[in-house]
């Protein structure tokens, strides 16, 4: 929907003069009248509905902030930090439709008024929230609730004769941590994004020695998908051997390696960084 009021500053600058005198209000009003004439009351109704819906979301956001402020003891309430509250409120208006991120902004704004968190709350946290998706925030919350460190794995195809491994899926989480398939598909990119912000850290040279990786990760859909891919490779290899299609010895050998590969699990761990721990204490 076009907001014709937004055209006024643009047209004013084009005209090279001030719009305050109302020189262009007549033409713009006529254009708006024609728009209404062509598209009728339905457009106006939708505009009003959108305004009311937006107003309700803003009120919900305001309530979220005040609910967080109420949790602060009276003796710890202070004037909000301008380098936090200014950028946070400015940025948050673009995330008013996303409850998960709106909650994070609410906590961040409230933390700027809490003297106990003065040394922990950072202005960069505003940028972190802006760069997150709702699932990024959910994953960060899961990690913090699991004790700041969780097992992760790479699902790999191990080639025969020690010819190396091929990564099938990277940064896989256990089913205990994440069951939803659509969310599991987003997990790897979320881990990359959170790692980029240095809120989490991953390693495959370190792992949890007391955790049974084979037992847990063999139950994941990613492990099953890798098994299915190997089964497909076996069928393709057999079909090529039985067919009369000419295949170079090198290509045939590569197909054989893929057909005889096995699923293996690359052990790793994921944990919150010091910065990530501070961020979750403020925003999660």
C-alpha atoms as a PDB file:
ATOM      1  CA  UNK A   1       0.000   0.000   0.000  1.00  0.00           C
ATOM      2  CA  UNK A   2       1.334   3.431  -0.956  1.00  0.00           C
ATOM      3  CA  UNK A   3       1.424   6.123   1.707  1.00  0.00           C
ATOM      4  CA  UNK A   4       1.132   9.319  -0.290  1.00  0.00           C
ATOM      5  CA  UNK A   5       2.192  11.419   2.671  1.00  0.00           C
ATOM      6  CA  UNK A   6       5.620   9.884   2.266  1.00  0.00           C
ATOM      7  CA  UNK A   7       5.817  11.471  -1.181  1.00  0.00           C
ATOM      8  CA  UNK A   8       5.644  15.000   0.186  1.00  0.00           C
ATOM      9  CA  UNK A   9       9.293  15.344   1.273  1.00  0.00           C
ATOM     10  CA  UNK A  10      10.460  13.812  -1.998  1.00  0.00           C
ATOM     11  CA  UNK A  11       8.362  16.064  -4.158  1.00  0.00           C
ATOM     12  CA  UNK A  12       9.358  19.033  -2.010  1.00  0.00           C
ATOM     13  CA  UNK A  13      13.036  18.404  -2.602  1.00  0.00           C
ATOM     14  CA  UNK A  14      12.444  18.013  -6.318  1.00  0.00           C
ATOM     15  CA  UNK A  15      10.619  21.331  -6.418  1.00  0.00           C
ATOM     16  CA  UNK A  16      13.612  22.912  -4.728  1.00  0.00           C
ATOM     17  CA  UNK A  17      11.583  24.661  -2.044  1.00  0.00           C
ATOM     18  CA  UNK A  18       9.885  24.149   1.262  1.00  0.00           C
ATOM     19  CA  UNK A  19       6.798  21.962   1.330  1.00  0.00           C
ATOM     20  CA  UNK A  20       5.567  23.676   4.456  1.00  0.00           C
ATOM     21  CA  UNK A  21       3.722  26.352   2.537  1.00  0.00           C
ATOM     22  CA  UNK A  22       1.394  23.698   1.118  1.00  0.00           C
ATOM     23  CA  UNK A  23       2.210  24.437  -2.515  1.00  0.00           C
ATOM     24  CA  UNK A  24       2.046  20.758  -3.429  1.00  0.00           C
ATOM     25  CA  UNK A  25      -0.673  19.734  -1.019  1.00  0.00           C
ATOM     26  CA  UNK A  26      -3.363  20.281  -3.657  1.00  0.00           C
ATOM     27  CA  UNK A  27      -1.918  17.928  -6.296  1.00  0.00           C
ATOM     28  CA  UNK A  28      -1.010  15.324  -3.692  1.00  0.00           C
ATOM     29  CA  UNK A  29      -4.515  15.555  -2.211  1.00  0.00           C
ATOM     30  CA  UNK A  30      -5.994  15.102  -5.703  1.00  0.00           C
ATOM     31  CA  UNK A  31      -3.799  12.066  -6.299  1.00  0.00           C
ATOM     32  CA  UNK A  32      -4.877  10.588  -2.982  1.00  0.00           C
ATOM     33  CA  UNK A  33      -8.541  11.270  -3.874  1.00  0.00           C
ATOM     34  CA  UNK A  34      -8.138   9.481  -7.205  1.00  0.00           C
ATOM     35  CA  UNK A  35      -6.448   6.562  -5.466  1.00  0.00           C
ATOM     36  CA  UNK A  36      -9.403   6.274  -3.098  1.00  0.00           C
ATOM     37  CA  UNK A  37     -11.856   6.619  -5.991  1.00  0.00           C
ATOM     38  CA  UNK A  38     -10.209   3.775  -7.930  1.00  0.00           C
ATOM     39  CA  UNK A  39      -9.623   1.329  -5.095  1.00  0.00           C
ATOM     40  CA  UNK A  40     -12.499   2.185  -2.808  1.00  0.00           C
ATOM     41  CA  UNK A  41     -13.172   1.717   0.878  1.00  0.00           C
ATOM     42  CA  UNK A  42     -11.461  -1.652   0.964  1.00  0.00           C
ATOM     43  CA  UNK A  43      -8.095   0.065   0.738  1.00  0.00           C
ATOM     44  CA  UNK A  44      -8.979   2.510   3.507  1.00  0.00           C
ATOM     45  CA  UNK A  45     -10.276  -0.318   5.692  1.00  0.00           C
ATOM     46  CA  UNK A  46      -7.053  -2.269   5.285  1.00  0.00           C
ATOM     47  CA  UNK A  47      -5.047   0.862   6.051  1.00  0.00           C
ATOM     48  CA  UNK A  48      -6.993   1.401   9.275  1.00  0.00           C
ATOM     49  CA  UNK A  49      -6.670  -2.258  10.237  1.00  0.00           C
ATOM     50  CA  UNK A  50      -2.913  -2.094   9.692  1.00  0.00           C
ATOM     51  CA  UNK A  51      -2.654   1.048  11.835  1.00  0.00           C
ATOM     52  CA  UNK A  52      -4.624  -0.546  14.662  1.00  0.00           C
ATOM     53  CA  UNK A  53      -2.582  -3.741  14.464  1.00  0.00           C
ATOM     54  CA  UNK A  54       0.669  -1.788  14.533  1.00  0.00           C
ATOM     55  CA  UNK A  55      -0.568   0.256  17.493  1.00  0.00           C
ATOM     56  CA  UNK A  56      -1.376  -2.919  19.431  1.00  0.00           C
ATOM     57  CA  UNK A  57       2.115  -4.291  18.735  1.00  0.00           C
ATOM     58  CA  UNK A  58       3.715  -1.059  19.916  1.00  0.00           C
ATOM     59  CA  UNK A  59       1.666  -1.187  23.106  1.00  0.00           C
ATOM     60  CA  UNK A  60       2.712  -4.814  23.623  1.00  0.00           C
ATOM     61  CA  UNK A  61       6.344  -3.807  23.164  1.00  0.00           C
ATOM     62  CA  UNK A  62       5.968  -0.983  25.685  1.00  0.00           C
ATOM     63  CA  UNK A  63       4.405  -3.410  28.159  1.00  0.00           C
ATOM     64  CA  UNK A  64       7.283  -5.862  27.612  1.00  0.00           C
ATOM     65  CA  UNK A  65       9.789  -3.147  28.502  1.00  0.00           C
ATOM     66  CA  UNK A  66       7.947  -2.004  31.614  1.00  0.00           C
ATOM     67  CA  UNK A  67       7.462  -5.597  32.755  1.00  0.00           C
ATOM     68  CA  UNK A  68      11.232  -6.049  32.584  1.00  0.00           C
ATOM     69  CA  UNK A  69      11.866  -2.764  34.398  1.00  0.00           C
ATOM     70  CA  UNK A  70       9.510  -3.848  37.209  1.00  0.00           C
ATOM     71  CA  UNK A  71      11.864  -6.740  37.936  1.00  0.00           C
ATOM     72  CA  UNK A  72      14.647  -4.312  38.890  1.00  0.00           C
ATOM     73  CA  UNK A  73      14.861  -3.504  42.623  1.00  0.00           C
ATOM     74  CA  UNK A  74      14.122   0.163  43.307  1.00  0.00           C
ATOM     75  CA  UNK A  75      17.613   0.787  44.646  1.00  0.00           C
ATOM     76  CA  UNK A  76      19.131  -0.472  41.381  1.00  0.00           C
ATOM     77  CA  UNK A  77      17.071   1.605  38.951  1.00  0.00           C
ATOM     78  CA  UNK A  78      19.078   4.333  37.258  1.00  0.00           C
ATOM     79  CA  UNK A  79      18.834   6.649  34.293  1.00  0.00           C
ATOM     80  CA  UNK A  80      19.004   4.597  31.071  1.00  0.00           C
ATOM     81  CA  UNK A  81      22.270   4.516  29.164  1.00  0.00           C
ATOM     82  CA  UNK A  82      21.764   6.663  26.068  1.00  0.00           C
ATOM     83  CA  UNK A  83      24.185   4.573  24.003  1.00  0.00           C
ATOM     84  CA  UNK A  84      21.920   1.572  24.692  1.00  0.00           C
ATOM     85  CA  UNK A  85      18.365   2.886  24.847  1.00  0.00           C
ATOM     86  CA  UNK A  86      18.731   5.202  21.820  1.00  0.00           C
ATOM     87  CA  UNK A  87      20.010   2.643  19.291  1.00  0.00           C
ATOM     88  CA  UNK A  88      17.856  -0.127  20.817  1.00  0.00           C
ATOM     89  CA  UNK A  89      14.568   1.751  20.439  1.00  0.00           C
ATOM     90  CA  UNK A  90      15.533   2.984  16.975  1.00  0.00           C
ATOM     91  CA  UNK A  91      16.423  -0.530  15.768  1.00  0.00           C
ATOM     92  CA  UNK A  92      13.580  -2.337  17.498  1.00  0.00           C
ATOM     93  CA  UNK A  93      10.841  -0.554  15.551  1.00  0.00           C
ATOM     94  CA  UNK A  94      11.820  -2.662  12.541  1.00  0.00           C
ATOM     95  CA  UNK A  95      11.389  -5.874  14.542  1.00  0.00           C
ATOM     96  CA  UNK A  96       8.055  -5.062  16.155  1.00  0.00           C
ATOM     97  CA  UNK A  97       6.445  -7.961  14.250  1.00  0.00           C
ATOM     98  CA  UNK A  98       8.863 -10.547  15.660  1.00  0.00           C
ATOM     99  CA  UNK A  99       7.983 -11.404  19.285  1.00  0.00           C
ATOM    100  CA  UNK A 100      11.245 -13.272  19.971  1.00  0.00           C
ATOM    101  CA  UNK A 101      13.445 -10.346  18.931  1.00  0.00           C
ATOM    102  CA  UNK A 102      11.093  -7.786  20.462  1.00  0.00           C
ATOM    103  CA  UNK A 103      11.524  -9.538  23.815  1.00  0.00           C
ATOM    104  CA  UNK A 104      15.294  -9.367  23.450  1.00  0.00           C
ATOM    105  CA  UNK A 105      15.147  -5.635  22.777  1.00  0.00           C
ATOM    106  CA  UNK A 106      12.859  -5.218  25.802  1.00  0.00           C
ATOM    107  CA  UNK A 107      15.361  -6.930  28.070  1.00  0.00           C
ATOM    108  CA  UNK A 108      18.213  -4.921  26.587  1.00  0.00           C
ATOM    109  CA  UNK A 109      16.428  -1.593  27.116  1.00  0.00           C
ATOM    110  CA  UNK A 110      15.554  -2.555  30.693  1.00  0.00           C
ATOM    111  CA  UNK A 111      19.124  -3.659  31.406  1.00  0.00           C
ATOM    112  CA  UNK A 112      20.346  -0.150  30.553  1.00  0.00           C
ATOM    113  CA  UNK A 113      18.388   1.032  33.628  1.00  0.00           C
ATOM    114  CA  UNK A 114      19.777  -1.635  35.960  1.00  0.00           C
ATOM    115  CA  UNK A 115      22.886  -0.565  37.876  1.00  0.00           C
ATOM    116  CA  UNK A 116      23.742  -4.222  38.553  1.00  0.00           C
ATOM    117  CA  UNK A 117      24.238  -4.805  34.820  1.00  0.00           C
ATOM    118  CA  UNK A 118      26.145  -1.628  34.036  1.00  0.00           C
ATOM    119  CA  UNK A 119      29.431  -3.456  33.506  1.00  0.00           C
ATOM    120  CA  UNK A 120      27.872  -6.178  31.354  1.00  0.00           C
ATOM    121  CA  UNK A 121      25.432  -4.356  29.061  1.00  0.00           C
ATOM    122  CA  UNK A 122      27.152  -3.296  25.836  1.00  0.00           C
ATOM    123  CA  UNK A 123      25.944  -1.127  22.979  1.00  0.00           C
ATOM    124  CA  UNK A 124      27.133  -3.798  20.512  1.00  0.00           C
ATOM    125  CA  UNK A 125      24.343  -6.043  21.826  1.00  0.00           C
ATOM    126  CA  UNK A 126      21.908  -3.937  19.785  1.00  0.00           C
ATOM    127  CA  UNK A 127      23.723  -4.958  16.602  1.00  0.00           C
ATOM    128  CA  UNK A 128      23.740  -8.601  17.693  1.00  0.00           C
ATOM    129  CA  UNK A 129      19.942  -8.670  18.030  1.00  0.00           C
ATOM    130  CA  UNK A 130      19.574  -6.929  14.655  1.00  0.00           C
ATOM    131  CA  UNK A 131      21.645  -9.644  13.003  1.00  0.00           C
ATOM    132  CA  UNK A 132      19.652 -12.529  14.483  1.00  0.00           C
ATOM    133  CA  UNK A 133      16.720 -14.516  13.237  1.00  0.00           C
ATOM    134  CA  UNK A 134      14.111 -15.797  15.710  1.00  0.00           C
ATOM    135  CA  UNK A 135      15.689 -19.242  15.414  1.00  0.00           C
ATOM    136  CA  UNK A 136      19.161 -17.857  16.156  1.00  0.00           C
ATOM    137  CA  UNK A 137      17.746 -16.489  19.401  1.00  0.00           C
ATOM    138  CA  UNK A 138      16.064 -19.816  20.181  1.00  0.00           C
ATOM    139  CA  UNK A 139      19.251 -21.775  19.615  1.00  0.00           C
ATOM    140  CA  UNK A 140      21.226 -19.395  21.826  1.00  0.00           C
ATOM    141  CA  UNK A 141      18.624 -19.869  24.548  1.00  0.00           C
ATOM    142  CA  UNK A 142      18.855 -23.665  24.213  1.00  0.00           C
ATOM    143  CA  UNK A 143      22.627 -23.611  24.598  1.00  0.00           C
ATOM    144  CA  UNK A 144      22.468 -21.390  27.674  1.00  0.00           C
ATOM    145  CA  UNK A 145      19.865 -23.633  29.317  1.00  0.00           C
ATOM    146  CA  UNK A 146      21.908 -26.763  28.581  1.00  0.00           C
ATOM    147  CA  UNK A 147      24.777 -25.521  30.705  1.00  0.00           C
ATOM    148  CA  UNK A 148      26.581 -23.470  28.016  1.00  0.00           C
ATOM    149  CA  UNK A 149      28.079 -26.510  26.255  1.00  0.00           C
ATOM    150  CA  UNK A 150      26.422 -29.130  24.052  1.00  0.00           C
ATOM    151  CA  UNK A 151      27.621 -31.940  21.745  1.00  0.00           C
ATOM    152  CA  UNK A 152      27.549 -31.419  17.980  1.00  0.00           C
ATOM    153  CA  UNK A 153      28.684 -33.632  15.124  1.00  0.00           C
ATOM    154  CA  UNK A 154      29.500 -33.782  11.447  1.00  0.00           C
ATOM    155  CA  UNK A 155      27.795 -36.637   9.606  1.00  0.00           C
ATOM    156  CA  UNK A 156      30.368 -37.954   7.147  1.00  0.00           C
ATOM    157  CA  UNK A 157      30.919 -40.590   4.481  1.00  0.00           C
ATOM    158  CA  UNK A 158      34.122 -42.484   5.205  1.00  0.00           C
ATOM    159  CA  UNK A 159      35.744 -43.725   2.006  1.00  0.00           C
ATOM    160  CA  UNK A 160      37.344 -47.217   1.903  1.00  0.00           C
ATOM    161  CA  UNK A 161      41.095 -47.848   2.072  1.00  0.00           C
ATOM    162  CA  UNK A 162      41.693 -44.729   4.177  1.00  0.00           C
ATOM    163  CA  UNK A 163      40.916 -42.432   1.256  1.00  0.00           C
ATOM    164  CA  UNK A 164      39.456 -39.776   3.569  1.00  0.00           C
ATOM    165  CA  UNK A 165      35.960 -38.601   4.471  1.00  0.00           C
ATOM    166  CA  UNK A 166      33.306 -36.492   2.765  1.00  0.00           C
ATOM    167  CA  UNK A 167      31.151 -34.255   4.976  1.00  0.00           C
ATOM    168  CA  UNK A 168      27.476 -34.949   4.367  1.00  0.00           C
ATOM    169  CA  UNK A 169      25.969 -32.612   6.990  1.00  0.00           C
ATOM    170  CA  UNK A 170      27.840 -30.286   9.328  1.00  0.00           C
ATOM    171  CA  UNK A 171      27.069 -28.983  12.816  1.00  0.00           C
ATOM    172  CA  UNK A 172      24.324 -31.481  13.625  1.00  0.00           C
ATOM    173  CA  UNK A 173      22.442 -31.325  16.928  1.00  0.00           C
ATOM    174  CA  UNK A 174      20.992 -34.290  18.819  1.00  0.00           C
ATOM    175  CA  UNK A 175      17.274 -35.037  18.692  1.00  0.00           C
ATOM    176  CA  UNK A 176      17.079 -34.300  22.420  1.00  0.00           C
ATOM    177  CA  UNK A 177      18.045 -30.702  21.717  1.00  0.00           C
ATOM    178  CA  UNK A 178      16.098 -30.163  18.493  1.00  0.00           C
ATOM    179  CA  UNK A 179      13.338 -32.333  17.031  1.00  0.00           C
ATOM    180  CA  UNK A 180      11.617 -30.107  14.457  1.00  0.00           C
ATOM    181  CA  UNK A 181      12.865 -30.974  10.965  1.00  0.00           C
ATOM    182  CA  UNK A 182      12.501 -27.455   9.530  1.00  0.00           C
ATOM    183  CA  UNK A 183      14.477 -26.061  12.478  1.00  0.00           C
ATOM    184  CA  UNK A 184      17.134 -28.729  12.077  1.00  0.00           C
ATOM    185  CA  UNK A 185      17.569 -27.560   8.494  1.00  0.00           C
ATOM    186  CA  UNK A 186      18.275 -24.046   9.805  1.00  0.00           C
ATOM    187  CA  UNK A 187      20.599 -25.123  12.607  1.00  0.00           C
ATOM    188  CA  UNK A 188      23.860 -25.191  10.674  1.00  0.00           C
ATOM    189  CA  UNK A 189      23.465 -21.668   9.252  1.00  0.00           C
ATOM    190  CA  UNK A 190      22.357 -20.390  12.683  1.00  0.00           C
ATOM    191  CA  UNK A 191      25.521 -21.833  14.230  1.00  0.00           C
ATOM    192  CA  UNK A 192      27.620 -20.152  11.549  1.00  0.00           C
ATOM    193  CA  UNK A 193      25.903 -16.799  12.191  1.00  0.00           C
ATOM    194  CA  UNK A 194      26.255 -16.989  15.978  1.00  0.00           C
ATOM    195  CA  UNK A 195      29.883 -18.052  15.596  1.00  0.00           C
ATOM    196  CA  UNK A 196      30.510 -15.072  13.302  1.00  0.00           C
ATOM    197  CA  UNK A 197      29.301 -12.779  16.086  1.00  0.00           C
ATOM    198  CA  UNK A 198      31.557 -14.704  18.503  1.00  0.00           C
ATOM    199  CA  UNK A 199      28.627 -15.562  20.752  1.00  0.00           C
ATOM    200  CA  UNK A 200      29.342 -19.283  20.435  1.00  0.00           C
ATOM    201  CA  UNK A 201      32.394 -21.369  19.588  1.00  0.00           C
ATOM    202  CA  UNK A 202      32.580 -24.785  17.927  1.00  0.00           C
ATOM    203  CA  UNK A 203      35.406 -27.310  17.772  1.00  0.00           C
ATOM    204  CA  UNK A 204      35.913 -30.777  16.304  1.00  0.00           C
ATOM    205  CA  UNK A 205      39.264 -31.279  17.966  1.00  0.00           C
ATOM    206  CA  UNK A 206      37.494 -31.302  21.333  1.00  0.00           C
ATOM    207  CA  UNK A 207      34.390 -33.225  22.444  1.00  0.00           C
ATOM    208  CA  UNK A 208      32.506 -34.458  25.501  1.00  0.00           C
ATOM    209  CA  UNK A 209      34.228 -37.663  26.589  1.00  0.00           C
ATOM    210  CA  UNK A 210      31.303 -38.812  28.737  1.00  0.00           C
ATOM    211  CA  UNK A 211      28.788 -38.446  25.905  1.00  0.00           C
ATOM    212  CA  UNK A 212      27.859 -41.364  23.605  1.00  0.00           C
ATOM    213  CA  UNK A 213      28.013 -39.714  20.172  1.00  0.00           C
ATOM    214  CA  UNK A 214      27.334 -42.896  18.186  1.00  0.00           C
ATOM    215  CA  UNK A 215      24.217 -43.696  20.194  1.00  0.00           C
ATOM    216  CA  UNK A 216      22.727 -40.206  19.956  1.00  0.00           C
ATOM    217  CA  UNK A 217      23.662 -39.071  16.465  1.00  0.00           C
ATOM    218  CA  UNK A 218      22.827 -42.379  14.774  1.00  0.00           C
ATOM    219  CA  UNK A 219      19.195 -41.582  15.642  1.00  0.00           C
ATOM    220  CA  UNK A 220      19.161 -38.294  13.755  1.00  0.00           C
ATOM    221  CA  UNK A 221      17.434 -37.855  10.381  1.00  0.00           C
ATOM    222  CA  UNK A 222      20.731 -36.578   8.944  1.00  0.00           C
ATOM    223  CA  UNK A 223      22.386 -39.932   9.742  1.00  0.00           C
ATOM    224  CA  UNK A 224      19.511 -41.764   8.034  1.00  0.00           C
ATOM    225  CA  UNK A 225      19.747 -39.480   4.999  1.00  0.00           C
ATOM    226  CA  UNK A 226      23.447 -40.262   4.684  1.00  0.00           C
ATOM    227  CA  UNK A 227      22.703 -44.002   4.802  1.00  0.00           C
ATOM    228  CA  UNK A 228      20.132 -43.505   2.049  1.00  0.00           C
ATOM    229  CA  UNK A 229      22.639 -41.615  -0.068  1.00  0.00           C
ATOM    230  CA  UNK A 230      25.138 -44.448   0.264  1.00  0.00           C
ATOM    231  CA  UNK A 231      22.446 -46.975  -0.713  1.00  0.00           C
ATOM    232  CA  UNK A 232      21.727 -44.851  -3.791  1.00  0.00           C
ATOM    233  CA  UNK A 233      25.433 -44.819  -4.659  1.00  0.00           C
ATOM    234  CA  UNK A 234      25.505 -48.627  -4.465  1.00  0.00           C
ATOM    235  CA  UNK A 235      22.552 -48.896  -6.849  1.00  0.00           C
ATOM    236  CA  UNK A 236      24.114 -46.448  -9.304  1.00  0.00           C
ATOM    237  CA  UNK A 237      27.398 -48.366  -9.235  1.00  0.00           C
ATOM    238  CA  UNK A 238      25.690 -51.723  -9.840  1.00  0.00           C
ATOM    239  CA  UNK A 239      23.610 -50.298 -12.664  1.00  0.00           C
ATOM    240  CA  UNK A 240      26.710 -48.848 -14.304  1.00  0.00           C
ATOM    241  CA  UNK A 241      28.497 -52.216 -14.102  1.00  0.00           C
ATOM    242  CA  UNK A 242      25.512 -53.965 -15.673  1.00  0.00           C
ATOM    243  CA  UNK A 243      24.979 -51.355 -18.391  1.00  0.00           C
ATOM    244  CA  UNK A 244      26.753 -51.015 -21.704  1.00  0.00           C
ATOM    245  CA  UNK A 245      27.512 -47.358 -21.157  1.00  0.00           C
ATOM    246  CA  UNK A 246      31.220 -46.778 -21.567  1.00  0.00           C
ATOM    247  CA  UNK A 247      32.807 -45.449 -18.359  1.00  0.00           C
ATOM    248  CA  UNK A 248      36.420 -44.531 -17.787  1.00  0.00           C
ATOM    249  CA  UNK A 249      38.310 -46.646 -15.232  1.00  0.00           C
ATOM    250  CA  UNK A 250      38.852 -43.546 -13.074  1.00  0.00           C
ATOM    251  CA  UNK A 251      35.147 -42.667 -12.969  1.00  0.00           C
ATOM    252  CA  UNK A 252      34.248 -46.273 -12.236  1.00  0.00           C
ATOM    253  CA  UNK A 253      36.741 -46.382  -9.371  1.00  0.00           C
ATOM    254  CA  UNK A 254      35.289 -43.183  -7.892  1.00  0.00           C
ATOM    255  CA  UNK A 255      31.778 -44.621  -8.097  1.00  0.00           C
ATOM    256  CA  UNK A 256      33.022 -47.760  -6.368  1.00  0.00           C
ATOM    257  CA  UNK A 257      34.532 -45.734  -3.515  1.00  0.00           C
ATOM    258  CA  UNK A 258      31.272 -43.874  -2.957  1.00  0.00           C
ATOM    259  CA  UNK A 259      29.310 -47.139  -3.080  1.00  0.00           C
ATOM    260  CA  UNK A 260      31.561 -48.724  -0.463  1.00  0.00           C
ATOM    261  CA  UNK A 261      31.636 -45.728   1.856  1.00  0.00           C
ATOM    262  CA  UNK A 262      30.231 -45.923   5.386  1.00  0.00           C
ATOM    263  CA  UNK A 263      28.581 -43.410   7.698  1.00  0.00           C
ATOM    264  CA  UNK A 264      30.849 -41.988  10.359  1.00  0.00           C
ATOM    265  CA  UNK A 265      30.336 -39.342  13.038  1.00  0.00           C
ATOM    266  CA  UNK A 266      32.777 -36.488  13.562  1.00  0.00           C
ATOM    267  CA  UNK A 267      32.634 -35.574  17.245  1.00  0.00           C
ATOM    268  CA  UNK A 268      32.568 -31.963  18.368  1.00  0.00           C
ATOM    269  CA  UNK A 269      31.321 -29.516  20.944  1.00  0.00           C
ATOM    270  CA  UNK A 270      29.553 -26.168  20.936  1.00  0.00           C
ATOM    271  CA  UNK A 271      29.720 -23.709  23.802  1.00  0.00           C
ATOM    272  CA  UNK A 272      28.921 -20.113  24.672  1.00  0.00           C
ATOM    273  CA  UNK A 273      31.839 -17.722  24.613  1.00  0.00           C
ATOM    274  CA  UNK A 274      32.391 -15.241  27.439  1.00  0.00           C
ATOM    275  CA  UNK A 275      30.710 -12.588  25.281  1.00  0.00           C
ATOM    276  CA  UNK A 276      27.871 -15.011  24.538  1.00  0.00           C
ATOM    277  CA  UNK A 277      27.373 -15.679  28.236  1.00  0.00           C
ATOM    278  CA  UNK A 278      27.156 -11.948  28.932  1.00  0.00           C
ATOM    279  CA  UNK A 279      24.734 -11.446  26.045  1.00  0.00           C
ATOM    280  CA  UNK A 280      22.403 -14.244  27.159  1.00  0.00           C
ATOM    281  CA  UNK A 281      22.341 -12.895  30.720  1.00  0.00           C
ATOM    282  CA  UNK A 282      21.058  -9.593  29.364  1.00  0.00           C
ATOM    283  CA  UNK A 283      18.876 -10.533  26.392  1.00  0.00           C
ATOM    284  CA  UNK A 284      17.690 -14.137  26.777  1.00  0.00           C
END
